[in-house]
PDB file of N, CA and C in Angstrom:
ATOM      1  N   UNK A   1      99.265 101.822 118.355  1.00  0.00           N
ATOM      2  CA  UNK A   1      97.508 101.644 118.287  1.00  0.00           C
ATOM      3  C   UNK A   1      97.484 100.754 117.435  1.00  0.00           C
ATOM      4  N   UNK A   2      96.600  99.716 117.941  1.00  0.00           N
ATOM      5  CA  UNK A   2      96.562  98.782 116.941  1.00  0.00           C
ATOM      6  C   UNK A   2      94.727  98.982 116.873  1.00  0.00           C
ATOM      7  N   UNK A   3      94.676  98.922 114.948  1.00  0.00           N
ATOM      8  CA  UNK A   3      93.342  99.345 114.598  1.00  0.00           C
ATOM      9  C   UNK A   3      92.600  98.387 113.574  1.00  0.00           C
ATOM     10  N   UNK A   4      93.609  97.188 113.596  1.00  0.00           N
ATOM     11  CA  UNK A   4      92.884  95.994 112.928  1.00  0.00           C
ATOM     12  C   UNK A   4      93.631  94.935 113.703  1.00  0.00           C
ATOM     13  N   UNK A   5      93.077  93.773 114.026  1.00  0.00           N
ATOM     14  CA  UNK A   5      93.949  92.521 114.407  1.00  0.00           C
ATOM     15  C   UNK A   5      93.034  91.552 114.268  1.00  0.00           C
ATOM     16  N   UNK A   6      93.262  90.746 113.473  1.00  0.00           N
ATOM     17  CA  UNK A   6      92.346  89.272 112.795  1.00  0.00           C
ATOM     18  C   UNK A   6      93.249  88.262 112.619  1.00  0.00           C
ATOM     19  N   UNK A   7      92.921  87.598 112.568  1.00  0.00           N
ATOM     20  CA  UNK A   7      93.722  85.977 112.018  1.00  0.00           C
ATOM     21  C   UNK A   7      93.824  85.473 110.687  1.00  0.00           C
ATOM     22  N   UNK A   8      94.693  85.449 110.323  1.00  0.00           N
ATOM     23  CA  UNK A   8      95.390  85.755 108.907  1.00  0.00           C
ATOM     24  C   UNK A   8      94.333  85.055 107.150  1.00  0.00           C
ATOM     25  N   UNK A   9      93.619  84.244 107.584  1.00  0.00           N
ATOM     26  CA  UNK A   9      92.416  83.933 106.805  1.00  0.00           C
ATOM     27  C   UNK A   9      91.513  85.038 107.131  1.00  0.00           C
ATOM     28  N   UNK A  10      90.803  85.819 107.772  1.00  0.00           N
ATOM     29  CA  UNK A  10      90.343  86.963 107.591  1.00  0.00           C
ATOM     30  C   UNK A  10      90.813  88.210 107.036  1.00  0.00           C
ATOM     31  N   UNK A  11      92.241  88.654 107.032  1.00  0.00           N
ATOM     32  CA  UNK A  11      92.679  89.416 106.613  1.00  0.00           C
ATOM     33  C   UNK A  11      92.824  89.409 105.269  1.00  0.00           C
ATOM     34  N   UNK A  12      93.211  88.015 104.948  1.00  0.00           N
ATOM     35  CA  UNK A  12      93.178  88.249 103.497  1.00  0.00           C
ATOM     36  C   UNK A  12      91.835  88.072 102.774  1.00  0.00           C
ATOM     37  N   UNK A  13      90.666  87.550 103.147  1.00  0.00           N
ATOM     38  CA  UNK A  13      89.206  87.996 102.929  1.00  0.00           C
ATOM     39  C   UNK A  13      89.062  89.242 102.815  1.00  0.00           C
ATOM     40  N   UNK A  14      89.381  90.123 104.155  1.00  0.00           N
ATOM     41  CA  UNK A  14      89.264  91.417 103.910  1.00  0.00           C
ATOM     42  C   UNK A  14      89.914  92.032 102.830  1.00  0.00           C
ATOM     43  N   UNK A  15      91.293  91.864 102.903  1.00  0.00           N
ATOM     44  CA  UNK A  15      91.860  92.691 101.697  1.00  0.00           C
ATOM     45  C   UNK A  15      90.686  92.457 100.444  1.00  0.00           C
ATOM     46  N   UNK A  16      90.955  90.876  99.859  1.00  0.00           N
ATOM     47  CA  UNK A  16      90.560  90.160  98.821  1.00  0.00           C
ATOM     48  C   UNK A  16      88.767  90.717  98.421  1.00  0.00           C
ATOM     49  N   UNK A  17      88.291  91.230  99.383  1.00  0.00           N
ATOM     50  CA  UNK A  17      86.878  92.002  99.177  1.00  0.00           C
ATOM     51  C   UNK A  17      86.795  93.215  98.931  1.00  0.00           C
ATOM     52  N   UNK A  18      88.248  93.992  99.129  1.00  0.00           N
ATOM     53  CA  UNK A  18      88.174  94.944  99.838  1.00  0.00           C
ATOM     54  C   UNK A  18      87.271  96.109 100.359  1.00  0.00           C
ATOM     55  N   UNK A  19      87.606  95.536 101.409  1.00  0.00           N
ATOM     56  CA  UNK A  19      86.958  95.903 102.758  1.00  0.00           C
ATOM     57  C   UNK A  19      88.015  96.381 103.568  1.00  0.00           C
ATOM     58  N   UNK A  20      89.135  96.131 103.181  1.00  0.00           N
ATOM     59  CA  UNK A  20      90.422  96.402 104.500  1.00  0.00           C
ATOM     60  C   UNK A  20      90.202  97.942 104.807  1.00  0.00           C
ATOM     61  N   UNK A  21      90.377  98.978 103.954  1.00  0.00           N
ATOM     62  CA  UNK A  21      90.719  99.880 103.836  1.00  0.00           C
ATOM     63  C   UNK A  21      89.567 100.779 105.097  1.00  0.00           C
ATOM     64  N   UNK A  22      88.216 100.279 104.451  1.00  0.00           N
ATOM     65  CA  UNK A  22      86.799 100.766 105.535  1.00  0.00           C
ATOM     66  C   UNK A  22      86.883 100.341 106.813  1.00  0.00           C
ATOM     67  N   UNK A  23      87.820  99.182 106.834  1.00  0.00           N
ATOM     68  CA  UNK A  23      87.562  98.513 108.530  1.00  0.00           C
ATOM     69  C   UNK A  23      88.483  99.669 109.452  1.00  0.00           C
ATOM     70  N   UNK A  24      89.971  99.376 108.810  1.00  0.00           N
ATOM     71  CA  UNK A  24      91.001 100.215 109.607  1.00  0.00           C
ATOM     72  C   UNK A  24      90.898 101.799 109.788  1.00  0.00           C
ATOM     73  N   UNK A  25      89.507 102.479 108.284  1.00  0.00           N
ATOM     74  CA  UNK A  25      89.314 103.898 108.551  1.00  0.00           C
ATOM     75  C   UNK A  25      88.153 103.892 110.053  1.00  0.00           C
ATOM     76  N   UNK A  26      87.381 103.047 110.164  1.00  0.00           N
ATOM     77  CA  UNK A  26      86.259 103.207 110.833  1.00  0.00           C
ATOM     78  C   UNK A  26      87.005 103.116 112.150  1.00  0.00           C
ATOM     79  N   UNK A  27      87.633 102.182 112.537  1.00  0.00           N
ATOM     80  CA  UNK A  27      88.943 101.962 113.609  1.00  0.00           C
ATOM     81  C   UNK A  27      89.523 103.046 114.186  1.00  0.00           C
ATOM     82  N   UNK A  28      89.963 103.544 112.944  1.00  0.00           N
ATOM     83  CA  UNK A  28      91.059 104.894 113.162  1.00  0.00           C
ATOM     84  C   UNK A  28      90.394 106.323 114.204  1.00  0.00           C
ATOM     85  N   UNK A  29      89.128 106.227 113.394  1.00  0.00           N
ATOM     86  CA  UNK A  29      87.905 107.600 113.117  1.00  0.00           C
ATOM     87  C   UNK A  29      87.624 107.162 114.888  1.00  0.00           C
ATOM     88  N   UNK A  30      87.383 105.834 115.507  1.00  0.00           N
ATOM     89  CA  UNK A  30      86.755 105.649 116.723  1.00  0.00           C
ATOM     90  C   UNK A  30      87.915 105.733 117.809  1.00  0.00           C
ATOM     91  N   UNK A  31      89.077 105.078 117.355  1.00  0.00           N
ATOM     92  CA  UNK A  31      89.915 105.589 118.637  1.00  0.00           C
ATOM     93  C   UNK A  31      90.140 106.906 118.524  1.00  0.00           C
ATOM     94  N   UNK A  32      90.610 107.285 117.475  1.00  0.00           N
ATOM     95  CA  UNK A  32      91.107 109.010 117.605  1.00  0.00           C
ATOM     96  C   UNK A  32      89.975 109.941 117.503  1.00  0.00           C
ATOM     97  N   UNK A  33      89.155 109.977 117.355  1.00  0.00           N
ATOM     98  CA  UNK A  33      87.971 110.246 117.218  1.00  0.00           C
ATOM     99  C   UNK A  33      88.036 111.610 116.049  1.00  0.00           C
ATOM    100  N   UNK A  34      88.531 111.150 114.974  1.00  0.00           N
ATOM    101  CA  UNK A  34      88.448 111.812 113.817  1.00  0.00           C
ATOM    102  C   UNK A  34      89.069 111.051 112.901  1.00  0.00           C
ATOM    103  N   UNK A  35      88.676 111.837 111.150  1.00  0.00           N
ATOM    104  CA  UNK A  35      88.403 111.194 109.966  1.00  0.00           C
ATOM    105  C   UNK A  35      90.153 111.663 109.521  1.00  0.00           C
ATOM    106  N   UNK A  36      90.450 110.986 108.566  1.00  0.00           N
ATOM    107  CA  UNK A  36      92.298 111.066 107.635  1.00  0.00           C
ATOM    108  C   UNK A  36      91.536 111.028 106.395  1.00  0.00           C
ATOM    109  N   UNK A  37      92.783 111.719 105.567  1.00  0.00           N
ATOM    110  CA  UNK A  37      92.594 112.056 104.227  1.00  0.00           C
ATOM    111  C   UNK A  37      92.032 110.322 103.595  1.00  0.00           C
ATOM    112  N   UNK A  38      91.390 111.128 102.441  1.00  0.00           N
ATOM    113  CA  UNK A  38      91.426 109.768 100.892  1.00  0.00           C
ATOM    114  C   UNK A  38      93.377 109.074 100.741  1.00  0.00           C
ATOM    115  N   UNK A  39      93.741 110.294 100.315  1.00  0.00           N
ATOM    116  CA  UNK A  39      95.326 109.542 100.398  1.00  0.00           C
ATOM    117  C   UNK A  39      95.717 108.191 101.205  1.00  0.00           C
ATOM    118  N   UNK A  40      95.454 109.068 102.618  1.00  0.00           N
ATOM    119  CA  UNK A  40      96.143 108.068 103.560  1.00  0.00           C
ATOM    120  C   UNK A  40      94.912 106.931 103.941  1.00  0.00           C
ATOM    121  N   UNK A  41      93.730 106.588 103.287  1.00  0.00           N
ATOM    122  CA  UNK A  41      92.653 105.427 103.084  1.00  0.00           C
ATOM    123  C   UNK A  41      93.621 104.779 102.148  1.00  0.00           C
ATOM    124  N   UNK A  42      93.811 105.504 101.234  1.00  0.00           N
ATOM    125  CA  UNK A  42      94.324 104.652 100.022  1.00  0.00           C
ATOM    126  C   UNK A  42      95.834 103.955 100.266  1.00  0.00           C
ATOM    127  N   UNK A  43      96.508 104.450 100.760  1.00  0.00           N
ATOM    128  CA  UNK A  43      97.814 103.781 101.282  1.00  0.00           C
ATOM    129  C   UNK A  43      97.481 103.144 102.025  1.00  0.00           C
ATOM    130  N   UNK A  44      96.746 102.991 102.612  1.00  0.00           N
ATOM    131  CA  UNK A  44      96.789 101.841 103.816  1.00  0.00           C
ATOM    132  C   UNK A  44      95.755 100.471 103.090  1.00  0.00           C
ATOM    133  N   UNK A  45      94.789 100.541 101.945  1.00  0.00           N
ATOM    134  CA  UNK A  45      94.941 100.192 100.884  1.00  0.00           C
ATOM    135  C   UNK A  45      95.592  99.024  99.903  1.00  0.00           C
ATOM    136  N   UNK A  46      96.432 100.468  99.540  1.00  0.00           N
ATOM    137  CA  UNK A  46      97.725  99.915  98.577  1.00  0.00           C
ATOM    138  C   UNK A  46      98.417  98.917  99.566  1.00  0.00           C
ATOM    139  N   UNK A  47      99.338  99.278 100.724  1.00  0.00           N
ATOM    140  CA  UNK A  47      99.616  98.971 101.560  1.00  0.00           C
ATOM    141  C   UNK A  47      99.288  97.290 102.556  1.00  0.00           C
ATOM    142  N   UNK A  48      98.520  97.166 102.307  1.00  0.00           N
ATOM    143  CA  UNK A  48      97.363  96.141 102.914  1.00  0.00           C
ATOM    144  C   UNK A  48      97.128  94.791 101.971  1.00  0.00           C
ATOM    145  N   UNK A  49      97.280  95.677  99.881  1.00  0.00           N
ATOM    146  CA  UNK A  49      97.377  94.914  99.728  1.00  0.00           C
ATOM    147  C   UNK A  49      98.746  93.489  99.398  1.00  0.00           C
ATOM    148  N   UNK A  50      99.902  93.797  99.399  1.00  0.00           N
ATOM    149  CA  UNK A  50     100.851  94.022  99.710  1.00  0.00           C
ATOM    150  C   UNK A  50     101.439  93.551 100.587  1.00  0.00           C
ATOM    151  N   UNK A  51     101.008  93.790 101.720  1.00  0.00           N
ATOM    152  CA  UNK A  51     100.661  92.850 102.967  1.00  0.00           C
ATOM    153  C   UNK A  51     100.537  91.345 102.806  1.00  0.00           C
ATOM    154  N   UNK A  52      99.255  91.339 102.102  1.00  0.00           N
ATOM    155  CA  UNK A  52      98.420  89.800 100.910  1.00  0.00           C
ATOM    156  C   UNK A  52      99.527  89.277 100.738  1.00  0.00           C
ATOM    157  N   UNK A  53      99.659  89.721  99.761  1.00  0.00           N
ATOM    158  CA  UNK A  53     100.660  89.096  98.588  1.00  0.00           C
ATOM    159  C   UNK A  53     102.167  88.520  98.971  1.00  0.00           C
ATOM    160  N   UNK A  54     102.571  89.167 100.117  1.00  0.00           N
ATOM    161  CA  UNK A  54     103.641  88.720 100.892  1.00  0.00           C
ATOM    162  C   UNK A  54     102.992  87.512 101.740  1.00  0.00           C
ATOM    163  N   UNK A  55     102.261  87.241 102.326  1.00  0.00           N
ATOM    164  CA  UNK A  55     102.027  86.263 103.058  1.00  0.00           C
ATOM    165  C   UNK A  55     101.453  85.409 102.724  1.00  0.00           C
ATOM    166  N   UNK A  56     100.801  85.787 101.407  1.00  0.00           N
ATOM    167  CA  UNK A  56     100.708  84.541 100.486  1.00  0.00           C
ATOM    168  C   UNK A  56     101.663  83.577  99.996  1.00  0.00           C
ATOM    169  N   UNK A  57     103.165  84.745 100.199  1.00  0.00           N
ATOM    170  CA  UNK A  57     104.441  84.212  99.727  1.00  0.00           C
ATOM    171  C   UNK A  57     104.965  83.585 100.718  1.00  0.00           C
ATOM    172  N   UNK A  58     104.597  83.757 101.894  1.00  0.00           N
ATOM    173  CA  UNK A  58     105.186  82.873 103.367  1.00  0.00           C
ATOM    174  C   UNK A  58     106.642  83.922 103.772  1.00  0.00           C
ATOM    175  N   UNK A  59     106.480  84.947 103.625  1.00  0.00           N
ATOM    176  CA  UNK A  59     107.623  86.359 103.529  1.00  0.00           C
ATOM    177  C   UNK A  59     107.226  87.064 105.101  1.00  0.00           C
ATOM    178  N   UNK A  60     107.676  87.757 105.394  1.00  0.00           N
ATOM    179  CA  UNK A  60     107.497  88.765 106.597  1.00  0.00           C
ATOM    180  C   UNK A  60     108.173  90.305 106.115  1.00  0.00           C
ATOM    181  N   UNK A  61     106.876  91.186 107.124  1.00  0.00           N
ATOM    182  CA  UNK A  61     107.568  92.307 106.677  1.00  0.00           C
ATOM    183  C   UNK A  61     107.746  92.904 107.768  1.00  0.00           C
ATOM    184  N   UNK A  62     108.221  94.159 108.337  1.00  0.00           N
ATOM    185  CA  UNK A  62     108.534  94.864 109.426  1.00  0.00           C
ATOM    186  C   UNK A  62     108.516  96.229 109.258  1.00  0.00           C
ATOM    187  N   UNK A  63     107.347  97.120 109.564  1.00  0.00           N
ATOM    188  CA  UNK A  63     107.655  98.569 109.401  1.00  0.00           C
ATOM    189  C   UNK A  63     108.015  99.385 110.278  1.00  0.00           C
ATOM    190  N   UNK A  64     108.888  99.983 110.434  1.00  0.00           N
ATOM    191  CA  UNK A  64     109.414 100.338 111.296  1.00  0.00           C
ATOM    192  C   UNK A  64     108.661 101.986 112.164  1.00  0.00           C
ATOM    193  N   UNK A  65     108.342 102.572 110.981  1.00  0.00           N
ATOM    194  CA  UNK A  65     108.148 104.229 111.216  1.00  0.00           C
ATOM    195  C   UNK A  65     106.994 104.404 110.196  1.00  0.00           C
ATOM    196  N   UNK A  66     106.044 105.026 110.133  1.00  0.00           N
ATOM    197  CA  UNK A  66     105.413 105.913 109.074  1.00  0.00           C
ATOM    198  C   UNK A  66     106.168 106.717 108.726  1.00  0.00           C
ATOM    199  N   UNK A  67     106.354 107.005 107.551  1.00  0.00           N
ATOM    200  CA  UNK A  67     107.027 108.346 106.402  1.00  0.00           C
ATOM    201  C   UNK A  67     106.716 109.464 107.084  1.00  0.00           C
ATOM    202  N   UNK A  68     105.442 109.657 107.582  1.00  0.00           N
ATOM    203  CA  UNK A  68     104.845 111.293 107.550  1.00  0.00           C
ATOM    204  C   UNK A  68     105.696 111.221 109.160  1.00  0.00           C
ATOM    205  N   UNK A  69     105.682 109.904 110.254  1.00  0.00           N
ATOM    206  CA  UNK A  69     106.354 110.300 111.236  1.00  0.00           C
ATOM    207  C   UNK A  69     107.959 110.801 111.622  1.00  0.00           C
ATOM    208  N   UNK A  70     108.328 109.924 110.387  1.00  0.00           N
ATOM    209  CA  UNK A  70     109.813 110.170 110.489  1.00  0.00           C
ATOM    210  C   UNK A  70     110.182 111.438 109.576  1.00  0.00           C
ATOM    211  N   UNK A  71     109.833 112.098 109.110  1.00  0.00           N
ATOM    212  CA  UNK A  71     109.776 113.363 108.040  1.00  0.00           C
ATOM    213  C   UNK A  71     109.331 114.567 109.177  1.00  0.00           C
ATOM    214  N   UNK A  72     108.454 114.015 110.343  1.00  0.00           N
ATOM    215  CA  UNK A  72     107.951 115.317 111.528  1.00  0.00           C
ATOM    216  C   UNK A  72     109.217 115.108 112.375  1.00  0.00           C
ATOM    217  N   UNK A  73     109.800 113.869 112.837  1.00  0.00           N
ATOM    218  CA  UNK A  73     110.909 114.173 113.967  1.00  0.00           C
ATOM    219  C   UNK A  73     112.262 114.262 113.218  1.00  0.00           C
ATOM    220  N   UNK A  74     112.328 114.369 111.065  1.00  0.00           N
ATOM    221  CA  UNK A  74     113.305 115.022 111.423  1.00  0.00           C
ATOM    222  C   UNK A  74     113.213 116.522 110.609  1.00  0.00           C
ATOM    223  N   UNK A  75     112.119 117.273 111.060  1.00  0.00           N
ATOM    224  CA  UNK A  75     112.184 118.393 110.834  1.00  0.00           C
ATOM    225  C   UNK A  75     111.847 118.872 112.479  1.00  0.00           C
ATOM    226  N   UNK A  76     111.598 118.378 113.532  1.00  0.00           N
ATOM    227  CA  UNK A  76     111.997 118.565 114.855  1.00  0.00           C
ATOM    228  C   UNK A  76     113.278 118.140 115.270  1.00  0.00           C
ATOM    229  N   UNK A  77     114.523 117.574 114.901  1.00  0.00           N
ATOM    230  CA  UNK A  77     115.655 117.607 114.753  1.00  0.00           C
ATOM    231  C   UNK A  77     116.532 118.646 114.410  1.00  0.00           C
ATOM    232  N   UNK A  78     116.057 119.089 113.158  1.00  0.00           N
ATOM    233  CA  UNK A  78     116.531 119.980 112.605  1.00  0.00           C
ATOM    234  C   UNK A  78     116.441 121.392 113.153  1.00  0.00           C
ATOM    235  N   UNK A  79     115.277 121.525 113.704  1.00  0.00           N
ATOM    236  CA  UNK A  79     114.644 122.761 114.501  1.00  0.00           C
ATOM    237  C   UNK A  79     115.464 122.727 115.680  1.00  0.00           C
ATOM    238  N   UNK A  80     115.491 121.914 116.273  1.00  0.00           N
ATOM    239  CA  UNK A  80     116.004 122.040 117.783  1.00  0.00           C
ATOM    240  C   UNK A  80     118.036 121.582 117.237  1.00  0.00           C
ATOM    241  N   UNK A  81     118.290 122.011 116.190  1.00  0.00           N
ATOM    242  CA  UNK A  81     119.870 121.991 115.941  1.00  0.00           C
ATOM    243  C   UNK A  81     120.307 123.469 115.688  1.00  0.00           C
ATOM    244  N   UNK A  82     118.928 123.874 115.029  1.00  0.00           N
ATOM    245  CA  UNK A  82     119.295 125.505 114.372  1.00  0.00           C
ATOM    246  C   UNK A  82     119.108 126.253 116.101  1.00  0.00           C
ATOM    247  N   UNK A  83     118.313 125.891 116.802  1.00  0.00           N
ATOM    248  CA  UNK A  83     117.900 126.497 118.238  1.00  0.00           C
ATOM    249  C   UNK A  83     118.971 126.582 118.765  1.00  0.00           C
ATOM    250  N   UNK A  84     119.966 125.464 119.348  1.00  0.00           N
ATOM    251  CA  UNK A  84     120.784 125.282 119.991  1.00  0.00           C
ATOM    252  C   UNK A  84     122.132 126.405 118.988  1.00  0.00           C
ATOM    253  N   UNK A  85     122.587 126.310 118.052  1.00  0.00           N
ATOM    254  CA  UNK A  85     123.180 126.556 117.068  1.00  0.00           C
ATOM    255  C   UNK A  85     123.123 128.294 117.433  1.00  0.00           C
ATOM    256  N   UNK A  86     121.822 129.038 117.245  1.00  0.00           N
ATOM    257  CA  UNK A  86     121.256 130.056 117.811  1.00  0.00           C
ATOM    258  C   UNK A  86     121.921 130.845 118.778  1.00  0.00           C
ATOM    259  N   UNK A  87     121.240 129.534 119.618  1.00  0.00           N
ATOM    260  CA  UNK A  87     121.881 130.137 121.467  1.00  0.00           C
ATOM    261  C   UNK A  87     123.419 130.269 121.493  1.00  0.00           C
ATOM    262  N   UNK A  88     123.853 129.347 121.420  1.00  0.00           N
ATOM    263  CA  UNK A  88     125.565 129.664 121.132  1.00  0.00           C
ATOM    264  C   UNK A  88     126.082 130.700 120.304  1.00  0.00           C
ATOM    265  N   UNK A  89     125.779 130.787 119.065  1.00  0.00           N
ATOM    266  CA  UNK A  89     126.146 132.020 118.463  1.00  0.00           C
ATOM    267  C   UNK A  89     125.687 133.473 119.405  1.00  0.00           C
ATOM    268  N   UNK A  90     124.619 133.480 119.753  1.00  0.00           N
ATOM    269  CA  UNK A  90     123.942 134.555 120.660  1.00  0.00           C
ATOM    270  C   UNK A  90     125.130 134.930 122.194  1.00  0.00           C
ATOM    271  N   UNK A  91     125.475 133.698 122.681  1.00  0.00           N
ATOM    272  CA  UNK A  91     125.897 133.768 124.125  1.00  0.00           C
ATOM    273  C   UNK A  91     127.550 134.494 124.100  1.00  0.00           C
TER     274      UNK A  91
END
């Protein structure tokens, strides 16, 4: 899901003017029909500041997964393995 899509110049201005977190949160609410925590919004703001700094230095960032999603997947895998072991022991 894309919640922010602008050219580099606009992105830099949105971060510099401290509007980026508000813009992303507005789109997040509109697309998912619910709000998120203040700490998550602050995380976006910090990440976008870092991204701006990297773009100014002509580097590239690739974010593979949100940590919360990675943690949820780890829990699900652990739970699935536990269930498989229990089924094996009871058969």
